[in-house]
């Protein structure tokens, strides 16, 4: 993680997510995207190394989430916001834009990451396509970013 020194718990969470075969991402206290793993990169069509850290408005504009009518889902309505603000796990379903340009429904579970300071220092979000066939594709470790 480039930039200022990150809390140890976020560094350890990033290390954990690199070995998880289910699409996963890591956000900081303010909702900034700090990292996503290879499986997430395969769905989104871009490896994290090409994208880098992003502010909340940047990553939500690029990848979503989106409502069923195509409008952006407010970040306040995301499970990750509950994890950050309330310090509790949360789960939800919504649509994101995959590398094929199509919108796909996903399930997402967010878990707060708590360190020595006040409240959550970040959150891990693990997500997967609701469609069973697509979910099997992305959780078997057979993912590759197509450029």
C-alpha atoms as a PDB file:
ATOM      1  CA  UNK A   1       0.000   0.000   0.000  1.00  0.00           C
ATOM      2  CA  UNK A   2       1.597   3.176  -1.119  1.00  0.00           C
ATOM      3  CA  UNK A   3       1.368   6.559   0.525  1.00  0.00           C
ATOM      4  CA  UNK A   4       1.303   7.077   4.259  1.00  0.00           C
ATOM      5  CA  UNK A   5       1.872   4.153   6.586  1.00  0.00           C
ATOM      6  CA  UNK A   6      -1.247   2.004   6.966  1.00  0.00           C
ATOM      7  CA  UNK A   7      -2.324   0.445  10.262  1.00  0.00           C
ATOM      8  CA  UNK A   8      -0.923  -3.040  10.774  1.00  0.00           C
ATOM      9  CA  UNK A   9      -4.388  -4.615  10.700  1.00  0.00           C
ATOM     10  CA  UNK A  10      -4.960  -3.277   7.156  1.00  0.00           C
ATOM     11  CA  UNK A  11      -1.581  -4.579   5.993  1.00  0.00           C
ATOM     12  CA  UNK A  12      -2.401  -8.010   7.414  1.00  0.00           C
ATOM     13  CA  UNK A  13      -5.890  -7.934   5.863  1.00  0.00           C
ATOM     14  CA  UNK A  14      -4.399  -7.178   2.449  1.00  0.00           C
ATOM     15  CA  UNK A  15      -2.006 -10.104   2.842  1.00  0.00           C
ATOM     16  CA  UNK A  16      -4.922 -12.373   3.720  1.00  0.00           C
ATOM     17  CA  UNK A  17      -7.004 -11.243   0.720  1.00  0.00           C
ATOM     18  CA  UNK A  18      -4.190 -12.063  -1.714  1.00  0.00           C
ATOM     19  CA  UNK A  19      -4.700 -15.757  -0.904  1.00  0.00           C
ATOM     20  CA  UNK A  20      -8.518 -15.739  -0.981  1.00  0.00           C
ATOM     21  CA  UNK A  21      -9.926 -17.144  -4.237  1.00  0.00           C
ATOM     22  CA  UNK A  22     -13.279 -15.373  -3.868  1.00  0.00           C
ATOM     23  CA  UNK A  23     -13.409 -11.764  -5.148  1.00  0.00           C
ATOM     24  CA  UNK A  24     -12.524  -9.486  -2.234  1.00  0.00           C
ATOM     25  CA  UNK A  25     -11.591  -5.895  -1.599  1.00  0.00           C
ATOM     26  CA  UNK A  26     -10.225  -3.800   1.221  1.00  0.00           C
ATOM     27  CA  UNK A  27     -11.349  -0.271   2.045  1.00  0.00           C
ATOM     28  CA  UNK A  28     -10.038   2.265   4.525  1.00  0.00           C
ATOM     29  CA  UNK A  29     -11.971   4.078   7.229  1.00  0.00           C
ATOM     30  CA  UNK A  30     -13.195   6.727   4.779  1.00  0.00           C
ATOM     31  CA  UNK A  31     -14.316   4.192   2.153  1.00  0.00           C
ATOM     32  CA  UNK A  32     -11.255   4.606  -0.071  1.00  0.00           C
ATOM     33  CA  UNK A  33     -10.353   1.491  -2.042  1.00  0.00           C
ATOM     34  CA  UNK A  34      -7.012   0.232  -0.734  1.00  0.00           C
ATOM     35  CA  UNK A  35      -6.769  -3.115  -2.525  1.00  0.00           C
ATOM     36  CA  UNK A  36      -8.671  -5.828  -4.359  1.00  0.00           C
ATOM     37  CA  UNK A  37      -7.497  -9.346  -5.049  1.00  0.00           C
ATOM     38  CA  UNK A  38      -6.863 -11.204  -8.299  1.00  0.00           C
ATOM     39  CA  UNK A  39     -10.343 -12.755  -8.371  1.00  0.00           C
ATOM     40  CA  UNK A  40     -11.941  -9.305  -8.079  1.00  0.00           C
ATOM     41  CA  UNK A  41      -9.624  -8.023 -10.810  1.00  0.00           C
ATOM     42  CA  UNK A  42     -10.803 -10.804 -13.113  1.00  0.00           C
ATOM     43  CA  UNK A  43     -14.434  -9.757 -12.635  1.00  0.00           C
ATOM     44  CA  UNK A  44     -13.709  -6.053 -12.928  1.00  0.00           C
ATOM     45  CA  UNK A  45     -11.405  -6.516 -15.908  1.00  0.00           C
ATOM     46  CA  UNK A  46      -8.430  -4.679 -14.414  1.00  0.00           C
ATOM     47  CA  UNK A  47      -5.790  -5.915 -11.989  1.00  0.00           C
ATOM     48  CA  UNK A  48      -5.405  -3.762  -8.905  1.00  0.00           C
ATOM     49  CA  UNK A  49      -1.829  -2.952  -9.878  1.00  0.00           C
ATOM     50  CA  UNK A  50      -3.183  -1.104 -12.953  1.00  0.00           C
ATOM     51  CA  UNK A  51      -5.857   0.770 -10.993  1.00  0.00           C
ATOM     52  CA  UNK A  52      -4.306   1.560  -7.620  1.00  0.00           C
ATOM     53  CA  UNK A  53      -6.014   3.141  -4.662  1.00  0.00           C
ATOM     54  CA  UNK A  54      -9.188   5.076  -5.419  1.00  0.00           C
ATOM     55  CA  UNK A  55     -11.460   7.503  -3.584  1.00  0.00           C
ATOM     56  CA  UNK A  56     -15.007   6.247  -2.903  1.00  0.00           C
ATOM     57  CA  UNK A  57     -16.570   8.337  -5.674  1.00  0.00           C
ATOM     58  CA  UNK A  58     -14.002   7.021  -8.188  1.00  0.00           C
ATOM     59  CA  UNK A  59     -14.424   3.311  -7.539  1.00  0.00           C
ATOM     60  CA  UNK A  60     -18.205   3.469  -7.231  1.00  0.00           C
ATOM     61  CA  UNK A  61     -18.406   5.317 -10.557  1.00  0.00           C
ATOM     62  CA  UNK A  62     -16.092   2.798 -12.250  1.00  0.00           C
ATOM     63  CA  UNK A  63     -17.470  -0.483 -10.892  1.00  0.00           C
ATOM     64  CA  UNK A  64     -20.687   0.279  -9.073  1.00  0.00           C
ATOM     65  CA  UNK A  65     -22.766  -0.704  -7.210  1.00  0.00           C
ATOM     66  CA  UNK A  66     -25.872   0.036  -9.210  1.00  0.00           C
ATOM     67  CA  UNK A  67     -29.592  -0.327  -8.596  1.00  0.00           C
ATOM     68  CA  UNK A  68     -31.678  -2.578 -10.846  1.00  0.00           C
ATOM     69  CA  UNK A  69     -32.692   0.490 -12.896  1.00  0.00           C
ATOM     70  CA  UNK A  70     -29.013   1.311 -13.573  1.00  0.00           C
ATOM     71  CA  UNK A  71     -28.773   4.273 -11.211  1.00  0.00           C
ATOM     72  CA  UNK A  72     -25.847   4.367  -8.772  1.00  0.00           C
ATOM     73  CA  UNK A  73     -26.460   2.878  -5.333  1.00  0.00           C
ATOM     74  CA  UNK A  74     -25.605   5.479  -2.685  1.00  0.00           C
ATOM     75  CA  UNK A  75     -22.512   4.454  -0.733  1.00  0.00           C
ATOM     76  CA  UNK A  76     -24.539   4.950   2.457  1.00  0.00           C
ATOM     77  CA  UNK A  77     -26.695   1.958   1.437  1.00  0.00           C
ATOM     78  CA  UNK A  78     -23.792  -0.487   1.111  1.00  0.00           C
ATOM     79  CA  UNK A  79     -22.925  -3.246   3.582  1.00  0.00           C
ATOM     80  CA  UNK A  80     -19.418  -1.811   3.742  1.00  0.00           C
ATOM     81  CA  UNK A  81     -20.770   1.455   5.145  1.00  0.00           C
ATOM     82  CA  UNK A  82     -22.520  -0.448   7.949  1.00  0.00           C
ATOM     83  CA  UNK A  83     -19.264  -2.279   8.682  1.00  0.00           C
ATOM     84  CA  UNK A  84     -17.315   0.990   8.856  1.00  0.00           C
ATOM     85  CA  UNK A  85     -19.820   3.142  10.738  1.00  0.00           C
ATOM     86  CA  UNK A  86     -21.411   0.595  13.044  1.00  0.00           C
ATOM     87  CA  UNK A  87     -18.479  -1.774  13.456  1.00  0.00           C
ATOM     88  CA  UNK A  88     -20.568  -4.825  12.597  1.00  0.00           C
ATOM     89  CA  UNK A  89     -20.692  -7.323   9.737  1.00  0.00           C
ATOM     90  CA  UNK A  90     -23.286  -6.613   7.063  1.00  0.00           C
ATOM     91  CA  UNK A  91     -24.550  -8.340   3.924  1.00  0.00           C
ATOM     92  CA  UNK A  92     -26.456  -7.219   0.840  1.00  0.00           C
ATOM     93  CA  UNK A  93     -27.118  -7.750  -2.859  1.00  0.00           C
ATOM     94  CA  UNK A  94     -26.766  -5.251  -5.696  1.00  0.00           C
ATOM     95  CA  UNK A  95     -25.354  -4.986  -9.214  1.00  0.00           C
ATOM     96  CA  UNK A  96     -21.839  -4.129 -10.351  1.00  0.00           C
ATOM     97  CA  UNK A  97     -20.285  -3.735 -13.785  1.00  0.00           C
ATOM     98  CA  UNK A  98     -18.079  -6.688 -14.774  1.00  0.00           C
ATOM     99  CA  UNK A  99     -15.284  -6.688 -17.344  1.00  0.00           C
ATOM    100  CA  UNK A 100     -17.741  -7.829 -20.023  1.00  0.00           C
ATOM    101  CA  UNK A 101     -19.491  -4.445 -19.659  1.00  0.00           C
ATOM    102  CA  UNK A 102     -22.662  -6.083 -18.392  1.00  0.00           C
ATOM    103  CA  UNK A 103     -24.210  -5.508 -15.013  1.00  0.00           C
ATOM    104  CA  UNK A 104     -24.328  -8.580 -12.786  1.00  0.00           C
ATOM    105  CA  UNK A 105     -26.061  -9.113  -9.469  1.00  0.00           C
ATOM    106  CA  UNK A 106     -23.688  -9.925  -6.619  1.00  0.00           C
ATOM    107  CA  UNK A 107     -23.955 -10.797  -2.959  1.00  0.00           C
ATOM    108  CA  UNK A 108     -21.493  -8.980  -0.708  1.00  0.00           C
ATOM    109  CA  UNK A 109     -20.510  -9.448   2.915  1.00  0.00           C
ATOM    110  CA  UNK A 110     -18.542  -6.722   4.674  1.00  0.00           C
ATOM    111  CA  UNK A 111     -16.615  -7.183   7.895  1.00  0.00           C
ATOM    112  CA  UNK A 112     -15.064  -4.359   9.904  1.00  0.00           C
ATOM    113  CA  UNK A 113     -11.350  -4.435  10.637  1.00  0.00           C
ATOM    114  CA  UNK A 114     -10.663  -3.066  14.086  1.00  0.00           C
ATOM    115  CA  UNK A 115      -7.254  -2.161  15.423  1.00  0.00           C
ATOM    116  CA  UNK A 116      -5.968  -0.234  18.379  1.00  0.00           C
ATOM    117  CA  UNK A 117      -7.716   3.040  17.559  1.00  0.00           C
ATOM    118  CA  UNK A 118     -11.314   4.197  17.760  1.00  0.00           C
ATOM    119  CA  UNK A 119     -13.780   2.282  15.595  1.00  0.00           C
ATOM    120  CA  UNK A 120     -13.040   0.391  12.416  1.00  0.00           C
ATOM    121  CA  UNK A 121      -9.838   1.244  10.570  1.00  0.00           C
ATOM    122  CA  UNK A 122     -11.286  -0.347   7.445  1.00  0.00           C
ATOM    123  CA  UNK A 123     -13.405  -3.182   6.128  1.00  0.00           C
ATOM    124  CA  UNK A 124     -13.020  -6.317   4.035  1.00  0.00           C
ATOM    125  CA  UNK A 125     -15.712  -7.012   1.480  1.00  0.00           C
ATOM    126  CA  UNK A 126     -16.054 -10.492   0.006  1.00  0.00           C
ATOM    127  CA  UNK A 127     -18.420 -10.701  -2.952  1.00  0.00           C
ATOM    128  CA  UNK A 128     -19.596 -13.202  -5.531  1.00  0.00           C
ATOM    129  CA  UNK A 129     -22.049 -13.364  -8.427  1.00  0.00           C
ATOM    130  CA  UNK A 130     -25.552 -14.484  -7.466  1.00  0.00           C
ATOM    131  CA  UNK A 131     -25.714 -16.520 -10.697  1.00  0.00           C
ATOM    132  CA  UNK A 132     -24.507 -20.008  -9.692  1.00  0.00           C
ATOM    133  CA  UNK A 133     -22.546 -20.678 -12.883  1.00  0.00           C
ATOM    134  CA  UNK A 134     -20.706 -17.352 -12.748  1.00  0.00           C
ATOM    135  CA  UNK A 135     -20.069 -17.847  -9.017  1.00  0.00           C
ATOM    136  CA  UNK A 136     -18.436 -21.229  -9.672  1.00  0.00           C
ATOM    137  CA  UNK A 137     -16.184 -19.639 -12.293  1.00  0.00           C
ATOM    138  CA  UNK A 138     -14.856 -16.984  -9.949  1.00  0.00           C
ATOM    139  CA  UNK A 139     -14.492 -19.017  -6.760  1.00  0.00           C
ATOM    140  CA  UNK A 140     -12.542 -21.976  -8.134  1.00  0.00           C
ATOM    141  CA  UNK A 141      -9.280 -20.110  -8.553  1.00  0.00           C
ATOM    142  CA  UNK A 142      -9.648 -20.168 -12.357  1.00  0.00           C
ATOM    143  CA  UNK A 143      -9.586 -16.443 -12.927  1.00  0.00           C
ATOM    144  CA  UNK A 144      -7.499 -14.351 -15.148  1.00  0.00           C
ATOM    145  CA  UNK A 145      -7.626 -10.696 -16.070  1.00  0.00           C
ATOM    146  CA  UNK A 146      -8.342 -10.242 -19.751  1.00  0.00           C
ATOM    147  CA  UNK A 147      -6.840  -7.061 -21.175  1.00  0.00           C
END
